[in-house]
Amino acid sequence: MRLSRYFLPVLKETPAEAQIASHRLMLRAGMIKQATAGIYSWLPLGFKVLRKLENIVHEEQVRAGHIPMLMPTLQSADLWRESGRYDDYGAEMLRVTDRHGRDMLYGPTNEELITDIFRAHVGSYKDLPLTLYHIQWKFRDEVRPRFGVMRGREFFMKDGYNFDLTKEDALHAYNRHMVSYLRTYERMGLQAIPMRADSGPIGGDDTHEFLVLADTGESEVFYDSAITDLTLGDRVVDYNSREECEAIVREWTTPYARTDETHDEAKFNAIPEVRRKSSRGIEVGQIFYFGTKYSEPMRATVQGPDGKSVPVHMGSHGIGVSRLVGAIIEASHDDKGIIWPEGVTPYHAGIVNLKQGDPEADAACEAIYASLMALGLEPLYDDRDERAGGKFATMDLIGLPWWITVGPRGLKNGVVELTSRRTGESEELPPEQAVEKLALAYAGHVLRPAL
């Protein structure tokens, strides 16, 4: 993409309403614009990051054996009355009435709707296990929406639902989801710690939240620092193996890690003092096992091996995709702007032309641009007729992991400058070597263009 043809409305000043880093930087970098309180338009740069995160979530869900679909944003209130949650959910649910007087709601979650789909089409244990998921816009009418996309009213979310014959089967689905989420967050350059949590209005006794450590987090968290040394890395996981999934879950849940709602002071104090840590955390996902909470009242049953009808065991699993954009920025920024991890950056590299209109500089930039594109990388070429300082400030602000600076002086010596946004270090290299180094930097990442 050429910046002269792009829509990137960066702001020099920070809007007064922005209180945390991610909100400030998303507004300044031209990623979002507030439409009304807690609701945002996603501008091209922000939308591109959102789609990259969505693609990673889809890929890891499919890898774990889960099946994508799409459910509507509006739901019938009758389903929620059937489950008993319509009156219990509270003022966060946006309730509407259509022109025929039917009670509807803008879905904050989809347990009822997916259960209705299941009971209409599945009747035998032979069709189990089954896990369906979708990524869809949700709405919760927060009384005080704030912090930009971190606590908005409208948000983009992956929610998945498993249906199993027994509790043991459903707990394997729970473990499978935990492993798939750990891999998802790692691919995004995040360390999200699974923590024992409270189930809230979803229900059930087994639940873990995934939290990213950040000073601006809404939750107080307590953990054993040993958990921050864990990583899946390149480990190949057989999601059909109960033993393997359970072992990974045990590895991540044995070290103490809890939110303030479930914190146990005695257990925490049993950890060696040097490893006892407390911090703030941003919730970016949660998994639940809730058994027959929905299947019993909504009569979601299957015929078991003995011919008897039994309610299925269920769980649900969510990832806040739009919230992840803010969480990544909270975890990865400096006073100049965003620092995108390679796995989620909107563009893989910037190209800065220091003297637009100079034939040699223009030709070198065009050649680098074409070489990166040929490798499957997406460059953002700053071909504007602007001062060098303004171009560098834009690159710092939008946070691309790498950029190549091209100018007449360097080209006389046969070199360009390759800069790492994370370290701030630069080195002079021939253009071909700079391109090769970028190819190596992205060798471990799936290069699939987002919109």
Protein backbone atom coordinates (compact mmCIF):
# COMPACT_ATOMS: atom_id res chain seq x y z
CA MET A 1 0.00 0.00 0.00
CA ARG A 2 1.19 3.50 -0.87
CA LEU A 3 0.54 5.97 1.92
CA SER A 4 -0.33 8.71 -0.57
CA ARG A 5 -3.36 6.60 -1.59
CA TYR A 6 -4.30 5.33 1.87
CA PHE A 7 -6.73 6.67 4.44
CA LEU A 8 -4.69 7.15 7.62
CA PRO A 9 -6.06 10.13 9.58
CA VAL A 10 -3.33 10.39 12.26
CA LEU A 11 -3.76 12.99 14.99
CA LYS A 12 -0.98 15.13 16.44
CA GLU A 13 -2.83 15.82 19.68
CA THR A 14 -4.31 13.27 22.07
CA PRO A 15 -8.11 13.56 22.41
CA ALA A 16 -9.14 14.61 25.91
CA GLU A 17 -11.44 11.61 26.46
CA ALA A 18 -8.63 9.04 26.05
CA GLN A 19 -7.46 7.84 29.47
CA ILE A 20 -5.26 4.82 28.72
CA ALA A 21 -2.46 4.16 26.25
CA SER A 22 -4.37 1.92 23.86
CA HIS A 23 -7.26 4.37 23.56
CA ARG A 24 -4.90 7.32 22.99
CA LEU A 25 -2.78 5.50 20.45
CA MET A 26 -5.66 3.93 18.51
CA LEU A 27 -7.24 7.37 18.10
CA ARG A 28 -3.96 9.09 17.23
CA ALA A 29 -2.89 6.34 14.80
CA GLY A 30 -6.16 6.66 12.89
CA MET A 31 -7.32 3.15 13.80
CA ILE A 32 -10.75 4.02 15.22
CA LYS A 33 -13.20 6.90 15.51
CA GLN A 34 -15.91 7.09 18.14
CA ALA A 35 -19.41 6.96 16.68
CA THR A 36 -21.16 7.34 20.05
CA ALA A 37 -20.34 6.38 23.63
CA GLY A 38 -18.68 2.95 23.67
CA ILE A 39 -19.20 2.35 19.92
CA TYR A 40 -16.46 2.84 17.33
CA SER A 41 -15.94 2.86 13.60
CA TRP A 42 -12.90 0.78 12.68
CA LEU A 43 -10.86 2.75 10.17
CA PRO A 44 -8.64 0.97 7.61
CA LEU A 45 -5.52 0.47 9.78
CA GLY A 46 -7.53 -0.71 12.80
CA PHE A 47 -9.75 -2.90 10.66
CA LYS A 48 -6.68 -4.54 9.15
CA VAL A 49 -5.35 -5.50 12.59
CA LEU A 50 -8.80 -6.70 13.65
CA ARG A 51 -8.98 -9.01 10.62
CA LYS A 52 -5.49 -10.38 11.28
CA LEU A 53 -6.49 -11.31 14.82
CA GLU A 54 -9.73 -12.83 13.55
CA ASN A 55 -7.79 -14.97 11.05
CA ILE A 56 -5.48 -16.29 13.79
CA VAL A 57 -8.47 -17.19 15.97
CA HIS A 58 -10.15 -19.00 13.05
CA GLU A 59 -6.99 -20.93 12.19
CA GLU A 60 -6.42 -22.14 15.74
CA GLN A 61 -10.06 -23.07 16.26
CA VAL A 62 -10.11 -25.14 13.08
CA ARG A 63 -6.78 -26.72 14.05
CA ALA A 64 -8.42 -27.86 17.31
CA GLY A 65 -11.30 -29.48 15.39
CA HIS A 66 -13.94 -26.81 15.95
CA ILE A 67 -16.46 -25.89 13.24
CA PRO A 68 -17.13 -22.26 12.20
CA MET A 69 -20.60 -20.87 11.54
CA LEU A 70 -22.41 -17.55 11.95
CA MET A 71 -25.35 -16.61 14.14
CA PRO A 72 -27.36 -13.37 14.02
CA THR A 73 -26.83 -10.36 16.25
CA LEU A 74 -30.54 -10.13 17.14
CA GLN A 75 -32.18 -12.97 19.09
CA SER A 76 -35.69 -13.82 20.23
CA ALA A 77 -36.40 -13.09 23.88
CA ASP A 78 -38.44 -16.31 24.03
CA LEU A 79 -35.27 -18.44 23.96
CA TRP A 80 -33.82 -16.51 26.89
CA ARG A 81 -37.06 -16.85 28.83
CA GLU A 82 -36.87 -20.59 28.20
CA SER A 83 -33.41 -20.80 29.77
CA GLY A 84 -34.40 -18.49 32.63
CA ARG A 85 -31.80 -15.82 31.83
CA TYR A 86 -33.97 -13.14 30.23
CA ASP A 87 -34.89 -11.46 33.52
CA ASP A 88 -31.65 -12.39 35.28
CA TYR A 89 -29.17 -10.87 32.86
CA GLY A 90 -29.73 -7.27 33.94
CA ALA A 91 -29.56 -3.85 32.35
CA GLU A 92 -26.52 -4.71 30.21
CA MET A 93 -28.85 -6.53 27.80
CA LEU A 94 -30.26 -4.26 25.10
CA ARG A 95 -33.92 -5.24 24.74
CA VAL A 96 -35.93 -4.16 21.69
CA THR A 97 -39.39 -4.75 20.27
CA ASP A 98 -39.95 -5.29 16.56
CA ARG A 99 -42.83 -3.84 14.52
CA HIS A 100 -45.00 -6.88 15.34
CA GLY A 101 -44.58 -6.39 19.08
CA ARG A 102 -42.19 -9.33 19.51
CA ASP A 103 -39.55 -9.00 22.20
CA MET A 104 -36.02 -9.20 20.82
CA LEU A 105 -32.55 -8.57 22.17
CA TYR A 106 -29.14 -7.66 20.80
CA GLY A 107 -27.12 -10.70 21.78
CA PRO A 108 -24.50 -10.33 24.51
CA THR A 109 -23.75 -14.07 24.12
CA ASN A 110 -25.26 -17.07 22.32
CA GLU A 111 -25.78 -20.05 24.65
CA GLU A 112 -29.55 -20.10 24.08
CA LEU A 113 -29.40 -19.68 20.32
CA ILE A 114 -26.76 -22.37 19.79
CA THR A 115 -28.68 -24.76 22.06
CA ASP A 116 -31.79 -24.20 19.97
CA ILE A 117 -29.83 -25.00 16.81
CA PHE A 118 -28.40 -28.13 18.38
CA ARG A 119 -31.70 -29.52 19.64
CA ALA A 120 -33.31 -29.02 16.24
CA HIS A 121 -30.72 -31.10 14.39
CA VAL A 122 -28.90 -33.49 16.73
CA GLY A 123 -30.63 -36.44 18.39
CA SER A 124 -28.06 -39.20 18.84
CA TYR A 125 -24.87 -39.64 20.85
CA LYS A 126 -23.30 -40.82 17.56
CA ASP A 127 -23.25 -37.18 16.42
CA LEU A 128 -21.11 -36.18 19.42
CA PRO A 129 -18.72 -34.64 20.31
CA LEU A 130 -19.55 -31.39 18.54
CA THR A 131 -18.05 -27.93 18.94
CA LEU A 132 -19.45 -24.99 16.96
CA TYR A 133 -18.20 -21.40 17.07
CA HIS A 134 -18.59 -18.08 15.36
CA ILE A 135 -17.01 -14.61 15.42
CA GLN A 136 -19.68 -11.95 15.60
CA TRP A 137 -20.44 -8.48 16.94
CA LYS A 138 -21.94 -8.42 20.42
CA PHE A 139 -23.54 -5.68 22.50
CA ARG A 140 -23.57 -5.11 26.24
CA ASP A 141 -24.97 -1.81 27.47
CA GLU A 142 -22.14 -0.84 29.82
CA VAL A 143 -23.27 1.81 32.27
CA ARG A 144 -19.93 3.65 31.90
CA PRO A 145 -18.20 2.65 28.65
CA ARG A 146 -14.57 3.76 28.76
CA PHE A 147 -11.02 2.95 27.74
CA GLY A 148 -11.89 2.79 24.02
CA VAL A 149 -12.25 -0.76 22.70
CA MET A 150 -11.24 -2.20 26.07
CA ARG A 151 -14.64 -1.54 27.61
CA GLY A 152 -16.98 -0.60 24.82
CA ARG A 153 -20.63 -1.42 24.37
CA GLU A 154 -20.26 -3.03 20.94
CA PHE A 155 -17.45 -5.54 20.54
CA PHE A 156 -16.20 -8.26 18.20
CA MET A 157 -16.04 -11.66 19.85
CA LYS A 158 -15.37 -15.30 19.14
CA ASP A 159 -17.74 -17.50 21.09
CA GLY A 160 -17.73 -21.28 20.83
CA TYR A 161 -19.94 -24.00 22.32
CA ASN A 162 -19.24 -27.68 22.88
CA PHE A 163 -21.84 -30.46 23.15
CA ASP A 164 -20.76 -33.75 24.72
CA LEU A 165 -22.38 -36.90 26.03
CA THR A 166 -20.65 -36.96 29.43
CA LYS A 167 -18.92 -34.65 31.86
CA GLU A 168 -15.61 -36.34 31.09
CA ASP A 169 -16.07 -35.64 27.37
CA ALA A 170 -16.98 -32.03 28.07
CA LEU A 171 -13.93 -31.52 30.28
CA HIS A 172 -11.75 -32.75 27.41
CA ALA A 173 -13.38 -30.04 25.28
CA TYR A 174 -12.54 -27.57 28.07
CA ASN A 175 -8.91 -28.68 28.05
CA ARG A 176 -8.78 -28.61 24.26
CA HIS A 177 -9.97 -25.02 24.30
CA MET A 178 -7.43 -23.97 26.89
CA VAL A 179 -4.60 -25.37 24.77
CA SER A 180 -5.94 -23.78 21.58
CA TYR A 181 -6.24 -20.42 23.34
CA LEU A 182 -2.68 -20.61 24.67
CA ARG A 183 -1.46 -21.16 21.12
CA THR A 184 -3.69 -18.36 19.78
CA TYR A 185 -2.30 -15.78 22.19
CA GLU A 186 1.29 -16.85 21.61
CA ARG A 187 0.84 -16.34 17.87
CA MET A 188 -0.34 -12.80 18.65
CA GLY A 189 2.82 -12.07 20.64
CA LEU A 190 0.92 -12.08 23.93
CA GLN A 191 1.45 -13.89 27.19
CA ALA A 192 -2.09 -14.55 28.43
CA ILE A 193 -2.18 -16.38 31.76
CA PRO A 194 -5.10 -18.73 32.48
CA MET A 195 -6.49 -17.89 35.92
CA ARG A 196 -9.20 -19.54 38.00
CA ALA A 197 -12.12 -17.13 37.87
CA ASP A 198 -15.77 -16.50 38.65
CA SER A 199 -18.34 -17.65 36.09
CA GLY A 200 -20.69 -14.65 36.40
CA PRO A 201 -24.00 -14.80 34.46
CA ILE A 202 -22.76 -17.62 32.17
CA GLY A 203 -22.87 -20.10 35.06
CA GLY A 204 -20.97 -23.26 35.93
CA ASP A 205 -18.25 -24.20 38.39
CA ASP A 206 -15.27 -24.69 36.06
CA THR A 207 -13.95 -21.56 34.43
CA HIS A 208 -10.66 -19.88 33.63
CA GLU A 209 -10.04 -16.35 32.42
CA PHE A 210 -7.04 -15.50 30.26
CA LEU A 211 -5.39 -12.30 31.41
CA VAL A 212 -2.64 -10.17 29.92
CA LEU A 213 -0.57 -8.41 32.57
CA ALA A 214 -0.82 -4.63 32.23
CA ASP A 215 -0.96 -1.70 34.63
CA THR A 216 -4.28 -0.57 33.15
CA GLY A 217 -5.99 -3.95 33.66
CA GLU A 218 -9.41 -3.94 35.30
CA SER A 219 -8.70 -6.99 37.48
CA GLU A 220 -6.26 -7.45 40.33
CA VAL A 221 -4.42 -10.74 39.85
CA PHE A 222 -2.16 -12.92 42.00
CA TYR A 223 0.20 -15.46 40.49
CA ASP A 224 3.31 -17.59 40.81
CA SER A 225 5.95 -16.04 38.55
CA ALA A 226 6.91 -19.56 37.39
CA ILE A 227 3.90 -19.47 35.08
CA THR A 228 5.44 -16.63 33.04
CA ASP A 229 8.26 -18.96 31.95
CA LEU A 230 5.89 -21.39 30.22
CA THR A 231 5.51 -21.47 26.44
CA LEU A 232 4.05 -23.83 23.86
CA GLY A 233 6.51 -22.74 21.20
CA ASP A 234 6.57 -25.12 18.24
CA ARG A 235 5.10 -28.00 20.20
CA VAL A 236 2.82 -30.17 18.05
CA VAL A 237 -0.40 -30.98 19.91
CA ASP A 238 -2.74 -33.89 19.22
CA TYR A 239 -6.09 -32.34 20.15
CA ASN A 240 -7.73 -35.77 20.07
CA SER A 241 -5.46 -37.00 22.86
CA ARG A 242 -7.10 -36.48 26.24
CA GLU A 243 -3.86 -37.28 28.02
CA GLU A 244 -1.82 -34.78 26.03
CA CYS A 245 -4.32 -31.92 26.39
CA GLU A 246 -4.78 -32.64 30.08
CA ALA A 247 -1.01 -32.65 30.64
CA ILE A 248 -0.63 -29.22 29.01
CA VAL A 249 -3.54 -27.82 31.03
CA ARG A 250 -2.01 -29.24 34.22
CA GLU A 251 1.30 -27.60 33.29
CA TRP A 252 -0.37 -24.18 33.03
CA THR A 253 -2.81 -24.49 35.94
CA THR A 254 -0.57 -26.05 38.60
CA PRO A 255 1.26 -22.75 39.31
CA TYR A 256 -0.96 -20.46 41.38
CA ALA A 257 -2.80 -17.87 39.25
CA ARG A 258 -6.12 -16.32 40.28
CA THR A 259 -8.15 -13.17 39.95
CA ASP A 260 -9.13 -11.24 43.07
CA GLU A 261 -12.59 -12.87 42.96
CA THR A 262 -11.17 -16.35 43.63
CA HIS A 263 -7.93 -15.42 45.39
CA ASP A 264 -6.92 -17.74 48.26
CA GLU A 265 -4.47 -15.97 50.57
CA ALA A 266 -3.34 -19.18 52.30
CA LYS A 267 -2.48 -20.95 49.04
CA PHE A 268 -0.79 -17.82 47.72
CA ASN A 269 1.38 -17.49 50.83
CA ALA A 270 2.53 -21.10 50.40
CA ILE A 271 4.45 -20.01 47.26
CA PRO A 272 8.10 -19.02 47.84
CA GLU A 273 8.09 -15.28 48.48
CA VAL A 274 10.39 -14.48 45.56
CA ARG A 275 7.80 -15.96 43.16
CA ARG A 276 4.74 -14.32 44.73
CA LYS A 277 3.49 -11.65 42.33
CA SER A 278 0.48 -9.38 42.14
CA SER A 279 -0.43 -7.14 39.25
CA ARG A 280 -3.31 -5.87 37.13
CA GLY A 281 -4.66 -7.93 34.27
CA ILE A 282 -6.72 -7.39 31.12
CA GLU A 283 -9.18 -10.19 30.41
CA VAL A 284 -8.94 -11.32 26.78
CA GLY A 285 -10.82 -14.62 26.93
CA GLN A 286 -12.67 -17.08 29.14
CA ILE A 287 -13.68 -20.73 29.00
CA PHE A 288 -16.53 -22.40 30.89
CA TYR A 289 -17.87 -25.85 31.62
CA PHE A 290 -21.47 -25.57 32.82
CA GLY A 291 -22.80 -29.08 32.37
CA THR A 292 -26.53 -29.26 31.74
CA LYS A 293 -27.40 -25.69 32.83
CA TYR A 294 -28.91 -24.92 29.41
CA SER A 295 -29.57 -28.35 27.96
CA GLU A 296 -31.96 -29.41 30.73
CA PRO A 297 -34.36 -26.43 30.69
CA MET A 298 -34.18 -26.19 26.90
CA ARG A 299 -34.50 -29.97 26.38
CA ALA A 300 -31.30 -30.36 24.35
CA THR A 301 -31.06 -34.13 24.64
CA VAL A 302 -29.65 -37.05 22.69
CA GLN A 303 -30.37 -40.74 22.74
CA GLY A 304 -27.52 -42.45 24.59
CA PRO A 305 -25.96 -45.87 23.85
CA ASP A 306 -28.58 -47.49 26.08
CA GLY A 307 -31.44 -45.89 24.13
CA LYS A 308 -32.34 -43.46 26.92
CA SER A 309 -32.65 -39.73 26.35
CA VAL A 310 -30.06 -37.67 28.26
CA PRO A 311 -29.26 -33.92 28.35
CA VAL A 312 -25.93 -33.06 26.77
CA HIS A 313 -23.04 -31.55 28.72
CA MET A 314 -22.00 -28.15 27.48
CA GLY A 315 -19.36 -25.47 27.76
CA SER A 316 -18.70 -22.10 26.16
CA HIS A 317 -15.49 -20.37 25.22
CA GLY A 318 -14.95 -16.72 24.32
CA ILE A 319 -12.16 -14.52 22.98
CA GLY A 320 -12.64 -10.76 22.81
CA VAL A 321 -11.14 -10.14 19.37
CA SER A 322 -11.66 -6.35 19.32
CA ARG A 323 -10.51 -6.08 22.94
CA LEU A 324 -7.32 -7.94 21.98
CA VAL A 325 -6.30 -5.02 19.76
CA GLY A 326 -6.29 -2.76 22.81
CA ALA A 327 -4.65 -5.39 25.02
CA ILE A 328 -1.76 -5.88 22.59
CA ILE A 329 -1.15 -2.13 22.50
CA GLU A 330 -1.30 -1.89 26.31
CA ALA A 331 1.33 -4.63 26.50
CA SER A 332 3.50 -3.31 23.64
CA HIS A 333 4.01 0.43 23.25
CA ASP A 334 6.33 3.26 24.24
CA ASP A 335 6.07 7.03 24.45
CA LYS A 336 6.37 7.33 20.66
CA GLY A 337 3.55 4.97 19.75
CA ILE A 338 2.51 1.37 19.18
CA ILE A 339 4.99 -1.53 18.79
CA TRP A 340 3.21 -4.32 16.89
CA PRO A 341 4.36 -7.93 17.29
CA GLU A 342 5.28 -9.44 13.92
CA GLY A 343 2.32 -11.84 13.99
CA VAL A 344 -0.37 -9.14 14.04
CA THR A 345 1.17 -6.04 12.47
CA PRO A 346 -1.10 -4.36 9.90
CA TYR A 347 1.85 -4.05 7.49
CA HIS A 348 5.04 -6.04 7.73
CA ALA A 349 7.39 -3.16 6.96
CA GLY A 350 7.41 0.52 6.19
CA ILE A 351 9.39 2.09 3.37
CA VAL A 352 10.40 5.71 3.98
CA ASN A 353 11.50 7.72 0.95
CA LEU A 354 13.58 10.63 2.25
CA LYS A 355 13.50 12.51 -1.07
CA GLN A 356 10.31 11.85 -2.94
CA GLY A 357 10.75 12.85 -6.58
CA ASP A 358 14.45 11.99 -6.71
CA PRO A 359 14.71 9.45 -9.57
CA GLU A 360 17.25 7.22 -7.82
CA ALA A 361 15.43 7.20 -4.48
CA ASP A 362 12.07 6.62 -6.15
CA ALA A 363 13.44 3.71 -8.20
CA ALA A 364 15.09 2.09 -5.16
CA CYS A 365 11.87 2.35 -3.14
CA GLU A 366 9.84 0.86 -5.98
CA ALA A 367 12.29 -2.05 -6.27
CA ILE A 368 12.17 -2.75 -2.50
CA TYR A 369 8.38 -2.50 -2.58
CA ALA A 370 8.16 -5.04 -5.40
CA SER A 371 10.66 -7.41 -3.73
CA LEU A 372 8.72 -7.45 -0.45
CA MET A 373 5.44 -8.03 -2.26
CA ALA A 374 6.99 -10.94 -4.19
CA LEU A 375 7.92 -12.55 -0.85
CA GLY A 376 4.32 -12.36 0.37
CA LEU A 377 5.06 -9.43 2.69
CA GLU A 378 2.85 -6.35 2.81
CA PRO A 379 4.82 -3.08 2.83
CA LEU A 380 3.46 0.39 3.57
CA TYR A 381 5.34 2.81 1.35
CA ASP A 382 5.44 6.39 2.63
CA ASP A 383 5.64 8.13 -0.73
CA ARG A 384 4.20 11.42 0.50
CA ASP A 385 5.93 14.71 -0.19
CA GLU A 386 6.50 15.35 3.52
CA ARG A 387 9.44 16.19 5.79
CA ALA A 388 11.55 13.24 6.96
CA GLY A 389 10.74 14.01 10.61
CA GLY A 390 7.02 13.74 9.94
CA LYS A 391 7.47 10.42 8.13
CA PHE A 392 9.51 8.97 11.00
CA ALA A 393 6.94 10.19 13.54
CA THR A 394 4.18 8.42 11.59
CA MET A 395 6.18 5.18 11.49
CA ASP A 396 6.82 5.38 15.24
CA LEU A 397 3.16 6.09 15.95
CA ILE A 398 1.62 3.29 13.86
CA GLY A 399 4.23 0.86 15.15
CA LEU A 400 5.24 -1.31 12.18
CA PRO A 401 7.94 -3.70 13.47
CA TRP A 402 10.44 -2.73 10.77
CA TRP A 403 11.05 0.02 8.30
CA ILE A 404 13.53 0.70 5.53
CA THR A 405 14.75 4.27 5.03
CA VAL A 406 15.90 5.17 1.52
CA GLY A 407 17.75 8.38 0.71
CA PRO A 408 20.16 9.71 -1.93
CA ARG A 409 23.12 9.86 0.48
CA GLY A 410 22.84 6.18 1.45
CA LEU A 411 22.21 5.07 -2.11
CA LYS A 412 25.49 6.68 -3.20
CA ASN A 413 27.17 4.14 -0.91
CA GLY A 414 24.86 1.34 -2.06
CA VAL A 415 22.96 1.05 1.24
CA VAL A 416 19.60 1.70 2.86
CA GLU A 417 18.81 1.80 6.59
CA LEU A 418 16.84 -0.99 8.25
CA THR A 419 15.29 -0.03 11.62
CA SER A 420 13.72 -2.23 14.30
CA ARG A 421 10.79 -0.46 15.95
CA ARG A 422 11.10 -2.55 19.13
CA THR A 423 14.80 -1.93 19.81
CA GLY A 424 15.24 1.32 17.91
CA GLU A 425 18.45 -0.06 16.41
CA SER A 426 19.31 0.67 12.78
CA GLU A 427 21.83 -0.80 10.41
CA GLU A 428 22.98 0.08 6.92
CA LEU A 429 22.65 -2.70 4.37
CA PRO A 430 22.45 -3.10 0.62
CA PRO A 431 18.75 -3.10 -0.37
CA GLU A 432 18.77 -6.81 -1.24
CA GLN A 433 20.16 -7.74 2.18
CA ALA A 434 17.60 -5.57 3.95
CA VAL A 435 14.84 -7.42 2.12
CA GLU A 436 16.44 -10.79 2.99
CA LYS A 437 16.62 -9.85 6.67
CA LEU A 438 12.92 -8.96 6.68
CA ALA A 439 12.10 -12.29 5.05
CA LEU A 440 13.97 -14.07 7.86
CA ALA A 441 12.21 -11.99 10.52
CA TYR A 442 8.84 -13.21 9.25
CA ALA A 443 9.88 -16.78 8.43
CA GLY A 444 8.04 -18.21 11.44
CA HIS A 445 4.79 -16.37 10.76
CA VAL A 446 1.90 -17.36 8.52
CA LEU A 447 1.76 -14.68 5.85
CA ARG A 448 -1.85 -14.35 4.84
CA PRO A 449 -3.04 -10.90 3.72
CA ALA A 450 -5.86 -9.34 5.70
CA LEU A 451 -8.23 -6.79 4.17
